[in-house]
Amino acid sequence: MILRQTQSASYWTDAFVVEDVDLEFLNNRLLEEETPLATDELVLALVRSRVDREARALRGTAGGTIYLPKESYQPGQKLVFPALGYASGAVTVVRPGSHPQYPDFDVIEVEFGDDKPRREFAARLVDHKLNTLPEQGNLDGGEFKTPEQIAAEYGRAIAAKLEPRLMAAGEVVRLAGAWFPRALLLEVHVGHRNLAEAVLDMAGGGPLPTEELLQHVELPPTAGERLKVFSLNYALQEDQRFDEVGPAGKVLWYLRRLEPPEVLYPPRRLTLNDPAYDRSRLTPELSALARELDDEFQPDDGALQDDDETTLTLTFPHRRVGTLPLTRRVAHLFPTAIESPRVRFALVDGQTGEQLPAWVVREGRYAFGLEEWYARNDVAAGAYVRVRRGQKPGEVILFAAKRRPSREWTRTVVPLEGRLTFGMQKRLIACDYDELMIITLDNPTAVDAVWLRADERKTPFGLLVADVFRELAKLNPQGAVHAKTLYGGVNVIRRCTPEPIFAELVTRPYYSHVGDSYWRFNASRWSDKDLTP
């Protein structure tokens, strides 16, 4: 029985380091195959190389004794050192050791060969970590994990260490998760790229797959198809005119100049503007309510989402600009990408089956292109929207909570003398909604003008929250405002997460809790002296 390090979990998760010899092996593999390889293919090749290297080293140590610090050794004895890559050497000298912490042990001197320096090791040392062999296996066979099993189990940890080394070395390039030697890339000159631009221009900007562009861009016919695809992909990636917008596993190209502005530059209404606040001051009830609201900019709690369908409440900023928030409960239902910041996908109307072009903006945490769908389905801010994973990759199905239209009293934003007020007005409502979050408006342009002025004036956050609170309190006979309603109202005038709004409720003396997440404003305690920008 002899130790095989590559069979140990700690070898791949902790001890594993990408060495220069590994990079040289993978570069040679790519050069020999002359075809791009995905990260998982390189990981498997690396695992196979390490396992084979270990097996060869073990075969070369036949007849040697595994070195353990607790054992005694004699001059001339052949030892094998697993921690040194199964290097073998012969004991030349054995002498007493001297150390105050270890009163009785030997020092052995080992010679590894003519071109290698001699080294000293401890012997008869009972207390040493190398005395314990974590795993053992049979050199001539046995229940070993195959390289495929090792790669499947530890591939993610290996890739996390391998990819940065490959990028830093600079000899290979990566695109859409595949790698290829820079030296073997086909030449894709500016004329080729101009042709690709013309093809995309005629297609309305895209998206088009690389294979379709290659029908018009002539690369050397002797080159393999996969090499031609990779070379063109890499050339377009390096050209600022083009944007790769395909979901993970699929490469699609779009002309950047023809992408919607809201995709390239997040709308100002969606730009987070949270002030500093003390999260520890929130009550358990308010913290739970904040999690329930599921704002897309709230910290990730680490909980994995695997449902194929969920329902969210549409907030005012997203309804105003025609976007959908990619919250923790929603984001996993939308297509994503390995590197691309923007992903083009098909939005499917759950009622009609009609497809609409839409975009995932990963850094902004929103999906854009829903304005037409909102208008067609009479979706107001505060309405429920059901999101379902599409049947095909790159598709998302949306359902509006449609019902028979009826005129109902709802909160309405009313611009008045340069400020925003709230009133209760009858509106025709055709979707189910959260009564605490519903917000309608009559004059979007006037509301935007007031919002823009308030944003430019840098109104102190505490004063802004107090103004919105007092406006909302007028709509309730008891003068109480629910914390969820306050969150929705404040986001009409300033984009922020619920926590800083709720922090105002618990830290300012002029707010009084009256139960069930409802609060009142105590005018006798009101002061704006400490409300600074």
Protein backbone atom coordinates (compact mmCIF):
# COMPACT_ATOMS: atom_id res chain seq x y z
CA MET A 1 0.00 0.00 0.00
CA ILE A 2 1.38 3.40 -0.99
CA LEU A 3 0.09 6.96 -0.84
CA ARG A 4 -1.27 8.61 -3.98
CA GLN A 5 -1.62 12.32 -3.45
CA THR A 6 -3.88 12.84 -6.46
CA GLN A 7 -6.49 10.66 -4.74
CA SER A 8 -6.67 13.09 -1.81
CA ALA A 9 -9.34 15.79 -1.68
CA SER A 10 -6.98 18.19 0.10
CA TYR A 11 -4.46 17.84 -2.75
CA TRP A 12 -6.89 19.46 -5.23
CA THR A 13 -8.73 21.85 -2.92
CA ASP A 14 -5.83 23.11 -0.77
CA ALA A 15 -2.36 21.98 -1.83
CA PHE A 16 -2.85 22.21 -5.61
CA VAL A 17 -0.86 24.99 -7.29
CA VAL A 18 -0.63 25.55 -11.03
CA GLU A 19 3.04 25.12 -11.91
CA ASP A 20 4.98 26.35 -14.93
CA VAL A 21 5.24 22.76 -16.16
CA ASP A 22 1.42 22.56 -16.14
CA LEU A 23 1.14 25.69 -18.29
CA GLU A 24 3.76 24.35 -20.69
CA PHE A 25 1.87 21.06 -20.97
CA LEU A 26 -1.46 22.80 -21.69
CA ASN A 27 0.10 25.19 -24.21
CA ASN A 28 1.64 22.24 -26.06
CA ARG A 29 -1.70 20.44 -25.98
CA LEU A 30 -3.44 23.44 -27.58
CA LEU A 31 -0.66 23.80 -30.16
CA GLU A 32 -0.85 20.14 -31.10
CA GLU A 33 -4.63 20.01 -31.43
CA GLU A 34 -4.87 23.39 -33.20
CA THR A 35 -8.42 23.79 -31.93
CA PRO A 36 -9.91 25.83 -29.06
CA LEU A 37 -10.56 23.95 -25.84
CA ALA A 38 -13.01 24.85 -23.10
CA THR A 39 -11.87 25.38 -19.51
CA ASP A 40 -13.30 22.04 -18.39
CA GLU A 41 -11.38 20.29 -21.18
CA LEU A 42 -8.13 21.90 -20.02
CA VAL A 43 -8.91 20.97 -16.41
CA LEU A 44 -9.39 17.33 -17.38
CA ALA A 45 -6.16 17.35 -19.39
CA LEU A 46 -4.30 18.85 -16.43
CA VAL A 47 -5.72 16.24 -14.03
CA ARG A 48 -4.73 13.44 -16.37
CA SER A 49 -1.22 14.91 -16.62
CA ARG A 50 -0.83 15.10 -12.84
CA VAL A 51 -2.14 11.55 -12.33
CA ASP A 52 0.15 10.17 -15.05
CA ARG A 53 3.14 12.09 -13.69
CA GLU A 54 2.50 10.68 -10.23
CA ALA A 55 2.16 7.14 -11.57
CA ARG A 56 5.44 7.44 -13.46
CA ALA A 57 7.17 8.75 -10.34
CA LEU A 58 5.82 5.85 -8.29
CA ARG A 59 6.99 3.29 -10.83
CA GLY A 60 10.45 4.81 -10.61
CA THR A 61 10.55 4.37 -6.83
CA ALA A 62 10.00 0.61 -6.75
CA GLY A 63 11.87 -0.93 -3.82
CA GLY A 64 11.98 2.33 -1.85
CA THR A 65 10.52 2.93 1.60
CA ILE A 66 8.03 5.75 2.15
CA TYR A 67 9.66 8.33 4.40
CA LEU A 68 7.91 8.81 7.75
CA PRO A 69 9.59 11.00 10.42
CA LYS A 70 8.67 8.53 13.20
CA GLU A 71 10.68 5.64 11.71
CA SER A 72 14.38 4.77 12.13
CA TYR A 73 16.63 4.52 9.08
CA GLN A 74 20.10 3.13 8.27
CA PRO A 75 22.82 4.34 5.90
CA GLY A 76 22.31 3.00 2.38
CA GLN A 77 18.54 2.67 2.80
CA LYS A 78 16.47 3.95 -0.19
CA LEU A 79 13.62 6.34 0.74
CA VAL A 80 10.72 7.84 -1.21
CA PHE A 81 9.39 11.32 -0.33
CA PRO A 82 5.71 11.87 -1.40
CA ALA A 83 5.83 15.53 -0.31
CA LEU A 84 8.68 16.11 -2.79
CA GLY A 85 6.85 14.70 -5.80
CA TYR A 86 7.93 11.13 -4.98
CA ALA A 87 11.58 11.97 -5.28
CA SER A 88 13.81 9.09 -4.11
CA GLY A 89 17.19 9.15 -2.42
CA ALA A 90 19.60 7.10 -0.35
CA VAL A 91 20.46 7.68 3.32
CA THR A 92 24.17 8.51 3.63
CA VAL A 93 24.53 9.67 7.26
CA VAL A 94 22.56 9.09 10.49
CA ARG A 95 23.43 11.22 13.51
CA PRO A 96 21.75 12.29 16.78
CA GLY A 97 19.59 15.39 16.56
CA SER A 98 19.56 18.28 19.01
CA HIS A 99 16.58 20.53 19.68
CA PRO A 100 15.10 21.69 23.02
CA GLN A 101 11.57 20.82 21.95
CA TYR A 102 12.48 17.34 20.71
CA PRO A 103 14.81 15.56 23.21
CA ASP A 104 15.36 12.26 21.38
CA PHE A 105 15.50 12.05 17.57
CA ASP A 106 17.89 11.46 14.66
CA VAL A 107 18.91 13.51 11.67
CA ILE A 108 19.38 11.66 8.40
CA GLU A 109 21.25 13.02 5.40
CA VAL A 110 19.83 11.95 2.04
CA GLU A 111 21.49 12.06 -1.37
CA PHE A 112 19.07 12.44 -4.33
CA GLY A 113 21.57 12.25 -7.17
CA ASP A 114 24.75 13.76 -8.56
CA ASP A 115 23.06 16.95 -9.80
CA LYS A 116 20.96 17.56 -6.69
CA PRO A 117 22.07 18.84 -3.28
CA ARG A 118 21.92 16.63 -0.23
CA ARG A 119 19.13 17.33 2.24
CA GLU A 120 18.57 16.57 5.90
CA PHE A 121 15.42 15.12 7.47
CA ALA A 122 14.25 14.14 10.94
CA ALA A 123 13.93 10.49 12.02
CA ARG A 124 12.61 8.81 15.20
CA LEU A 125 10.39 11.90 15.59
CA VAL A 126 7.02 10.71 16.89
CA ASP A 127 5.18 14.05 16.83
CA HIS A 128 5.14 15.24 13.19
CA LYS A 129 2.32 15.87 10.70
CA LEU A 130 4.03 13.80 7.98
CA ASN A 131 3.63 10.68 10.13
CA THR A 132 -0.03 10.48 9.13
CA LEU A 133 -0.85 9.34 5.63
CA PRO A 134 -4.30 10.79 4.85
CA GLU A 135 -5.14 8.32 2.09
CA GLN A 136 -3.60 5.12 0.72
CA GLY A 137 -4.06 3.18 -2.45
CA ASN A 138 -2.66 0.20 -4.31
CA LEU A 139 0.09 1.05 -6.77
CA ASP A 140 -0.93 -1.83 -9.05
CA GLY A 141 -4.66 -1.16 -9.05
CA GLY A 142 -7.58 -0.72 -6.66
CA GLU A 143 -10.42 1.68 -6.05
CA PHE A 144 -8.83 4.79 -7.52
CA LYS A 145 -10.82 7.74 -8.77
CA THR A 146 -10.39 8.21 -12.50
CA PRO A 147 -9.20 11.58 -13.87
CA GLU A 148 -12.75 12.11 -15.13
CA GLN A 149 -14.13 11.59 -11.61
CA ILE A 150 -11.50 13.90 -10.09
CA ALA A 151 -12.25 16.62 -12.66
CA ALA A 152 -15.99 16.30 -12.05
CA GLU A 153 -15.55 16.58 -8.28
CA TYR A 154 -12.84 19.23 -8.01
CA GLY A 155 -12.99 20.86 -11.44
CA ARG A 156 -14.42 24.14 -10.18
CA ALA A 157 -11.64 24.56 -7.58
CA ILE A 158 -8.98 23.65 -10.15
CA ALA A 159 -10.40 26.06 -12.75
CA ALA A 160 -10.42 28.90 -10.21
CA LYS A 161 -6.64 28.54 -9.90
CA LEU A 162 -5.93 27.67 -13.53
CA GLU A 163 -7.76 30.50 -15.32
CA PRO A 164 -5.86 33.40 -13.66
CA ARG A 165 -2.52 31.71 -14.45
CA LEU A 166 -3.49 31.22 -18.10
CA MET A 167 -4.60 34.85 -18.38
CA ALA A 168 -1.43 36.16 -16.73
CA ALA A 169 0.85 34.07 -18.93
CA GLY A 170 -0.60 35.73 -22.03
CA GLU A 171 0.25 32.88 -24.41
CA VAL A 172 -3.38 31.82 -24.81
CA VAL A 173 -6.56 33.87 -25.22
CA ARG A 174 -10.04 33.14 -23.93
CA LEU A 175 -13.44 33.73 -25.47
CA ALA A 176 -16.79 32.39 -24.28
CA GLY A 177 -15.03 29.93 -21.97
CA ALA A 178 -12.69 28.50 -24.66
CA TRP A 179 -8.89 28.91 -24.93
CA PHE A 180 -6.52 28.99 -27.87
CA PRO A 181 -2.84 29.88 -28.46
CA ARG A 182 -2.48 33.49 -29.51
CA ALA A 183 0.26 32.51 -31.98
CA LEU A 184 -2.08 30.25 -33.99
CA LEU A 185 -4.96 32.69 -34.41
CA LEU A 186 -5.88 33.36 -38.01
CA GLU A 187 -5.38 36.91 -39.25
CA VAL A 188 -8.67 38.81 -39.23
CA HIS A 189 -7.82 42.21 -40.69
CA VAL A 190 -9.84 45.40 -40.71
CA GLY A 191 -11.43 44.50 -44.05
CA HIS A 192 -12.86 41.33 -42.54
CA ARG A 193 -14.21 43.28 -39.58
CA ASN A 194 -15.75 45.93 -41.85
CA LEU A 195 -17.59 43.19 -43.72
CA ALA A 196 -18.89 41.82 -40.41
CA GLU A 197 -20.10 45.29 -39.48
CA ALA A 198 -21.93 45.65 -42.79
CA VAL A 199 -23.66 42.29 -42.35
CA LEU A 200 -24.79 43.20 -38.84
CA ASP A 201 -25.91 46.64 -40.02
CA MET A 202 -28.19 45.05 -42.61
CA ALA A 203 -29.58 42.80 -39.86
CA GLY A 204 -30.59 45.81 -37.80
CA GLY A 205 -27.58 45.51 -35.55
CA GLY A 206 -27.97 41.80 -34.81
CA PRO A 207 -27.82 39.51 -33.05
CA LEU A 208 -26.13 37.08 -35.44
CA PRO A 209 -24.03 33.98 -34.70
CA THR A 210 -20.41 33.86 -35.82
CA GLU A 211 -21.16 31.08 -38.31
CA GLU A 212 -23.49 33.37 -40.23
CA LEU A 213 -20.91 36.16 -40.33
CA LEU A 214 -18.34 33.67 -41.69
CA GLN A 215 -20.52 33.17 -44.76
CA HIS A 216 -19.52 36.70 -45.76
CA VAL A 217 -16.06 36.93 -44.16
CA GLU A 218 -13.66 34.72 -46.09
CA LEU A 219 -10.91 33.19 -43.94
CA PRO A 220 -8.37 30.59 -45.19
CA PRO A 221 -10.37 27.60 -46.48
CA THR A 222 -7.73 25.16 -45.24
CA ALA A 223 -8.31 26.18 -41.63
CA GLY A 224 -10.69 24.17 -39.47
CA GLU A 225 -14.17 25.55 -38.90
CA ARG A 226 -13.72 25.78 -35.16
CA LEU A 227 -10.48 27.70 -35.60
CA LYS A 228 -12.12 30.14 -38.02
CA VAL A 229 -15.00 30.72 -35.62
CA PHE A 230 -12.67 31.31 -32.68
CA SER A 231 -10.35 33.65 -34.64
CA LEU A 232 -13.25 35.80 -35.85
CA ASN A 233 -14.79 35.83 -32.38
CA TYR A 234 -11.54 37.02 -30.85
CA ALA A 235 -11.04 39.73 -33.49
CA LEU A 236 -14.56 41.08 -32.98
CA GLN A 237 -14.15 40.96 -29.22
CA GLU A 238 -11.11 43.22 -29.50
CA ASP A 239 -12.98 45.69 -31.76
CA GLN A 240 -15.10 48.23 -29.87
CA ARG A 241 -17.68 48.31 -32.66
CA PHE A 242 -18.96 44.86 -31.72
CA ASP A 243 -20.66 43.50 -28.62
CA GLU A 244 -20.94 39.80 -27.76
CA VAL A 245 -24.48 39.43 -26.38
CA GLY A 246 -25.16 35.70 -26.38
CA PRO A 247 -26.19 33.76 -23.26
CA ALA A 248 -23.70 31.34 -21.68
CA GLY A 249 -22.65 28.71 -24.19
CA LYS A 250 -23.76 30.71 -27.24
CA VAL A 251 -21.91 33.49 -29.07
CA LEU A 252 -24.03 36.21 -30.71
CA TRP A 253 -22.79 39.53 -32.10
CA TYR A 254 -24.43 42.94 -32.08
CA LEU A 255 -23.33 46.39 -33.24
CA ARG A 256 -22.72 48.46 -30.15
CA ARG A 257 -23.85 51.70 -31.81
CA LEU A 258 -27.28 50.19 -32.52
CA GLU A 259 -27.91 48.89 -29.00
CA PRO A 260 -30.52 50.79 -26.96
CA PRO A 261 -28.93 53.55 -24.82
CA GLU A 262 -30.56 52.03 -21.72
CA VAL A 263 -28.53 48.87 -22.33
CA LEU A 264 -25.18 50.62 -22.66
CA TYR A 265 -25.82 53.21 -19.94
CA PRO A 266 -28.07 52.35 -16.97
CA PRO A 267 -31.00 54.78 -16.73
CA ARG A 268 -30.46 57.45 -14.11
CA ARG A 269 -33.68 56.46 -12.37
CA LEU A 270 -32.18 53.03 -11.64
CA THR A 271 -28.89 54.34 -10.25
CA LEU A 272 -28.66 53.37 -6.58
CA ASN A 273 -28.36 56.34 -4.24
CA ASP A 274 -28.28 54.87 -0.74
CA PRO A 275 -27.05 57.11 2.08
CA ALA A 276 -24.93 55.85 4.96
CA TYR A 277 -27.01 54.19 7.68
CA ASP A 278 -26.71 51.82 10.63
CA ARG A 279 -28.16 48.44 9.63
CA SER A 280 -27.92 47.16 13.21
CA ARG A 281 -30.61 49.63 14.29
CA LEU A 282 -33.30 47.91 12.21
CA THR A 283 -35.84 45.86 14.16
CA PRO A 284 -36.23 42.15 13.27
CA GLU A 285 -39.64 43.01 11.80
CA LEU A 286 -38.19 45.67 9.48
CA SER A 287 -35.26 43.46 8.49
CA ALA A 288 -37.68 40.69 7.56
CA LEU A 289 -39.80 43.16 5.57
CA ALA A 290 -36.71 44.37 3.69
CA ARG A 291 -35.90 40.78 2.68
CA GLU A 292 -39.50 40.28 1.59
CA LEU A 293 -39.30 43.33 -0.69
CA ASP A 294 -36.34 41.68 -2.44
CA ASP A 295 -34.70 44.81 -3.85
CA GLU A 296 -32.14 43.91 -6.53
CA PHE A 297 -29.40 45.87 -4.76
CA GLN A 298 -29.79 44.21 -1.37
CA PRO A 299 -26.84 42.09 -0.20
CA ASP A 300 -26.93 38.50 -1.38
CA ASP A 301 -27.84 36.20 1.52
CA GLY A 302 -26.27 33.22 -0.22
CA ALA A 303 -29.56 31.34 -0.60
CA LEU A 304 -29.65 29.47 -3.92
CA GLN A 305 -32.75 29.84 -6.06
CA ASP A 306 -33.82 26.92 -8.22
CA ASP A 307 -37.55 27.53 -8.74
CA ASP A 308 -38.74 27.61 -12.34
CA GLU A 309 -41.22 30.38 -11.56
CA THR A 310 -41.66 33.29 -9.18
CA THR A 311 -43.75 36.42 -8.73
CA LEU A 312 -42.50 39.93 -8.02
CA THR A 313 -44.05 43.30 -7.32
CA LEU A 314 -43.02 45.89 -9.91
CA THR A 315 -41.60 49.06 -8.37
CA PHE A 316 -42.08 52.58 -9.75
CA PRO A 317 -38.55 53.21 -11.14
CA HIS A 318 -38.62 50.00 -13.19
CA ARG A 319 -42.14 50.63 -14.46
CA ARG A 320 -41.15 54.15 -15.45
CA VAL A 321 -38.18 53.12 -17.62
CA GLY A 322 -39.55 49.80 -18.88
CA THR A 323 -37.25 47.45 -16.99
CA LEU A 324 -37.57 44.48 -14.66
CA PRO A 325 -35.37 44.15 -11.54
CA LEU A 326 -33.14 41.07 -11.45
CA THR A 327 -33.56 40.34 -7.77
CA ARG A 328 -32.30 37.29 -5.90
CA ARG A 329 -35.57 35.47 -6.51
CA VAL A 330 -35.70 36.42 -10.19
CA ALA A 331 -32.17 36.61 -11.64
CA HIS A 332 -31.64 32.84 -11.98
CA LEU A 333 -34.59 32.64 -14.38
CA PHE A 334 -32.89 34.97 -16.88
CA PRO A 335 -30.04 34.06 -19.24
CA THR A 336 -26.56 35.07 -18.16
CA ALA A 337 -23.07 34.91 -19.65
CA ILE A 338 -19.51 34.04 -18.66
CA GLU A 339 -18.00 37.38 -19.63
CA SER A 340 -20.49 39.47 -21.60
CA PRO A 341 -21.97 42.35 -19.56
CA ARG A 342 -25.07 42.47 -21.80
CA VAL A 343 -27.18 39.51 -22.97
CA ARG A 344 -29.84 39.63 -25.67
CA PHE A 345 -32.80 37.31 -25.02
CA ALA A 346 -36.36 36.68 -26.11
CA LEU A 347 -39.18 37.85 -23.86
CA VAL A 348 -42.27 35.68 -24.34
CA ASP A 349 -45.75 36.97 -23.47
CA GLY A 350 -47.30 34.19 -21.40
CA GLN A 351 -50.82 35.09 -22.57
CA THR A 352 -50.21 35.42 -26.31
CA GLY A 353 -46.93 33.58 -26.92
CA GLU A 354 -45.57 36.61 -28.78
CA GLN A 355 -41.81 37.18 -28.54
CA LEU A 356 -40.26 40.57 -27.87
CA PRO A 357 -36.53 41.40 -27.98
CA ALA A 358 -35.11 42.25 -24.56
CA TRP A 359 -31.77 42.62 -22.80
CA VAL A 360 -30.17 41.54 -19.55
CA VAL A 361 -27.82 44.20 -18.19
CA ARG A 362 -25.84 42.17 -15.68
CA GLU A 363 -23.96 44.97 -13.91
CA GLY A 364 -27.12 47.09 -13.58
CA ARG A 365 -29.14 44.09 -12.34
CA TYR A 366 -32.08 44.72 -14.64
CA ALA A 367 -33.70 43.49 -17.83
CA PHE A 368 -34.59 46.13 -20.42
CA GLY A 369 -37.20 46.15 -23.18
CA LEU A 370 -40.47 45.67 -21.31
CA GLU A 371 -42.15 49.06 -21.90
CA GLU A 372 -44.27 47.78 -24.77
CA TRP A 373 -45.29 44.71 -22.78
CA TYR A 374 -46.19 46.81 -19.71
CA ALA A 375 -48.30 49.20 -21.78
CA ARG A 376 -50.05 46.41 -23.68
CA ASN A 377 -51.00 44.64 -20.45
CA ASP A 378 -51.86 47.81 -18.45
CA VAL A 379 -49.23 46.97 -15.83
CA ALA A 380 -48.91 49.71 -13.19
CA ALA A 381 -46.23 50.23 -10.55
CA GLY A 382 -47.16 47.89 -7.70
CA ALA A 383 -48.65 45.25 -10.02
CA TYR A 384 -47.73 41.59 -9.72
CA VAL A 385 -45.60 40.11 -12.52
CA ARG A 386 -45.08 36.36 -12.82
CA VAL A 387 -41.76 35.22 -14.29
CA ARG A 388 -41.20 31.69 -15.63
CA ARG A 389 -38.12 30.04 -17.07
CA GLY A 390 -38.42 29.65 -20.83
CA GLN A 391 -38.74 26.29 -22.55
CA LYS A 392 -35.76 27.16 -24.76
CA PRO A 393 -32.37 28.60 -23.70
CA GLY A 394 -32.38 32.38 -23.93
CA GLU A 395 -36.14 32.73 -23.39
CA VAL A 396 -38.08 34.11 -20.41
CA ILE A 397 -41.88 33.96 -20.09
CA LEU A 398 -43.77 36.80 -18.38
CA PHE A 399 -47.37 36.81 -17.17
CA ALA A 400 -49.31 39.89 -16.12
CA ALA A 401 -51.84 39.19 -13.36
CA LYS A 402 -54.68 40.17 -15.72
CA ARG A 403 -58.25 40.64 -14.51
CA ARG A 404 -61.43 42.41 -15.63
CA PRO A 405 -60.68 46.17 -15.72
CA SER A 406 -62.35 48.24 -13.02
CA ARG A 407 -62.05 51.80 -11.73
CA GLU A 408 -60.44 51.86 -8.28
CA TRP A 409 -59.00 54.38 -5.85
CA THR A 410 -55.21 54.28 -6.07
CA ARG A 411 -52.25 56.36 -4.94
CA THR A 412 -51.36 58.81 -7.67
CA VAL A 413 -48.24 60.96 -8.04
CA VAL A 414 -49.21 64.59 -8.64
CA PRO A 415 -46.61 67.28 -9.48
CA LEU A 416 -47.55 70.52 -7.69
CA GLU A 417 -45.54 73.75 -7.70
CA GLY A 418 -42.23 72.05 -8.33
CA ARG A 419 -42.68 69.22 -5.86
CA LEU A 420 -44.26 65.80 -5.87
CA THR A 421 -47.40 65.14 -3.90
CA PHE A 422 -49.59 62.07 -3.55
CA GLY A 423 -53.34 61.87 -3.90
CA MET A 424 -56.07 59.24 -4.10
CA GLN A 425 -57.70 59.15 -7.52
CA LYS A 426 -59.83 56.66 -9.42
CA ARG A 427 -57.98 54.77 -12.12
CA LEU A 428 -58.85 51.94 -14.48
CA ILE A 429 -56.92 48.92 -13.18
CA ALA A 430 -56.59 45.71 -15.21
CA CYS A 431 -54.02 43.74 -13.14
CA ASP A 432 -53.81 42.39 -9.62
CA TYR A 433 -51.53 44.48 -7.44
CA ASP A 434 -50.09 44.99 -3.96
CA GLU A 435 -52.37 47.55 -2.27
CA LEU A 436 -49.41 48.87 -0.28
CA MET A 437 -47.26 49.45 -3.39
CA ILE A 438 -49.65 50.59 -6.13
CA ILE A 439 -48.68 53.97 -7.65
CA THR A 440 -50.15 55.61 -10.77
CA LEU A 441 -49.45 58.92 -12.49
CA ASP A 442 -51.07 61.17 -15.08
CA ASN A 443 -48.20 63.34 -16.30
CA PRO A 444 -44.96 61.33 -16.56
CA THR A 445 -43.01 64.23 -18.08
CA ALA A 446 -43.89 66.60 -15.24
CA VAL A 447 -43.05 63.94 -12.64
CA ASP A 448 -39.67 63.34 -14.29
CA ALA A 449 -38.92 67.07 -14.27
CA VAL A 450 -39.56 67.32 -10.52
CA TRP A 451 -37.54 64.16 -9.85
CA LEU A 452 -34.62 65.52 -11.87
CA ARG A 453 -34.60 68.85 -10.01
CA ALA A 454 -34.70 67.07 -6.65
CA ASP A 455 -31.81 64.87 -7.72
CA GLU A 456 -29.73 67.85 -8.81
CA ARG A 457 -30.44 69.78 -5.60
CA LYS A 458 -29.09 66.92 -3.46
CA THR A 459 -32.01 67.09 -1.06
CA PRO A 460 -31.00 65.63 2.34
CA PHE A 461 -32.19 62.06 2.55
CA GLY A 462 -33.92 62.49 5.90
CA LEU A 463 -35.85 65.52 4.62
CA LEU A 464 -36.86 63.67 1.46
CA VAL A 465 -38.18 60.69 3.47
CA ALA A 466 -40.06 63.02 5.84
CA ASP A 467 -41.69 64.88 2.92
CA VAL A 468 -42.83 61.64 1.28
CA PHE A 469 -44.03 60.23 4.61
CA ARG A 470 -46.19 63.30 5.35
CA GLU A 471 -47.68 63.22 1.85
CA LEU A 472 -48.58 59.56 2.17
CA ALA A 473 -49.96 60.07 5.69
CA LYS A 474 -52.60 62.42 4.23
CA LEU A 475 -54.10 59.49 2.35
CA ASN A 476 -54.85 57.49 5.50
CA PRO A 477 -57.58 58.63 7.94
CA GLN A 478 -55.40 57.53 10.87
CA GLY A 479 -52.35 59.28 9.43
CA ALA A 480 -50.39 55.99 9.45
CA VAL A 481 -48.02 54.85 6.70
CA HIS A 482 -46.87 51.30 6.12
CA ALA A 483 -43.10 50.88 5.79
CA LYS A 484 -43.58 49.09 2.46
CA THR A 485 -45.64 52.01 1.13
CA LEU A 486 -42.95 54.43 2.24
CA TYR A 487 -40.33 52.40 0.34
CA GLY A 488 -42.42 52.58 -2.82
CA GLY A 489 -43.09 56.31 -2.39
CA VAL A 490 -39.49 57.31 -1.72
CA ASN A 491 -38.37 55.42 -4.82
CA VAL A 492 -40.50 57.71 -6.95
CA ILE A 493 -38.12 60.53 -6.10
CA ARG A 494 -34.86 58.70 -5.23
CA ARG A 495 -33.65 55.17 -5.99
CA CYS A 496 -32.64 53.39 -2.80
CA THR A 497 -33.01 50.07 -1.03
CA PRO A 498 -35.52 49.65 1.83
CA GLU A 499 -32.96 49.45 4.65
CA PRO A 500 -31.88 53.15 4.76
CA ILE A 501 -35.54 54.20 4.57
CA PHE A 502 -36.43 51.91 7.44
CA ALA A 503 -33.40 53.17 9.37
CA GLU A 504 -34.96 56.65 9.27
CA LEU A 505 -38.09 55.27 10.94
CA VAL A 506 -36.21 53.79 13.90
CA THR A 507 -33.59 56.53 14.40
CA ARG A 508 -35.62 59.75 14.01
CA PRO A 509 -37.65 60.83 17.06
CA TYR A 510 -40.58 62.13 15.00
CA TYR A 511 -41.63 58.67 13.77
CA SER A 512 -43.77 56.52 16.06
CA HIS A 513 -44.42 52.82 15.53
CA VAL A 514 -48.10 51.94 15.83
CA GLY A 515 -47.91 48.21 15.03
CA ASP A 516 -47.87 45.90 11.99
CA SER A 517 -45.14 47.89 10.22
CA TYR A 518 -47.28 51.06 10.36
CA TRP A 519 -45.81 54.36 11.53
CA ARG A 520 -47.08 57.86 12.31
CA PHE A 521 -45.42 61.25 12.06
CA ASN A 522 -45.20 63.27 15.32
CA ALA A 523 -45.07 66.90 14.22
CA SER A 524 -44.27 68.10 17.77
CA ARG A 525 -40.90 66.31 17.56
CA TRP A 526 -40.08 67.43 14.03
CA SER A 527 -36.78 69.18 13.39
CA ASP A 528 -34.73 69.42 10.23
CA LYS A 529 -31.64 70.89 11.89
CA ASP A 530 -29.74 67.60 11.84
CA LEU A 531 -30.79 66.67 8.29
CA THR A 532 -27.68 67.38 6.26
CA PRO A 533 -27.07 66.45 2.60
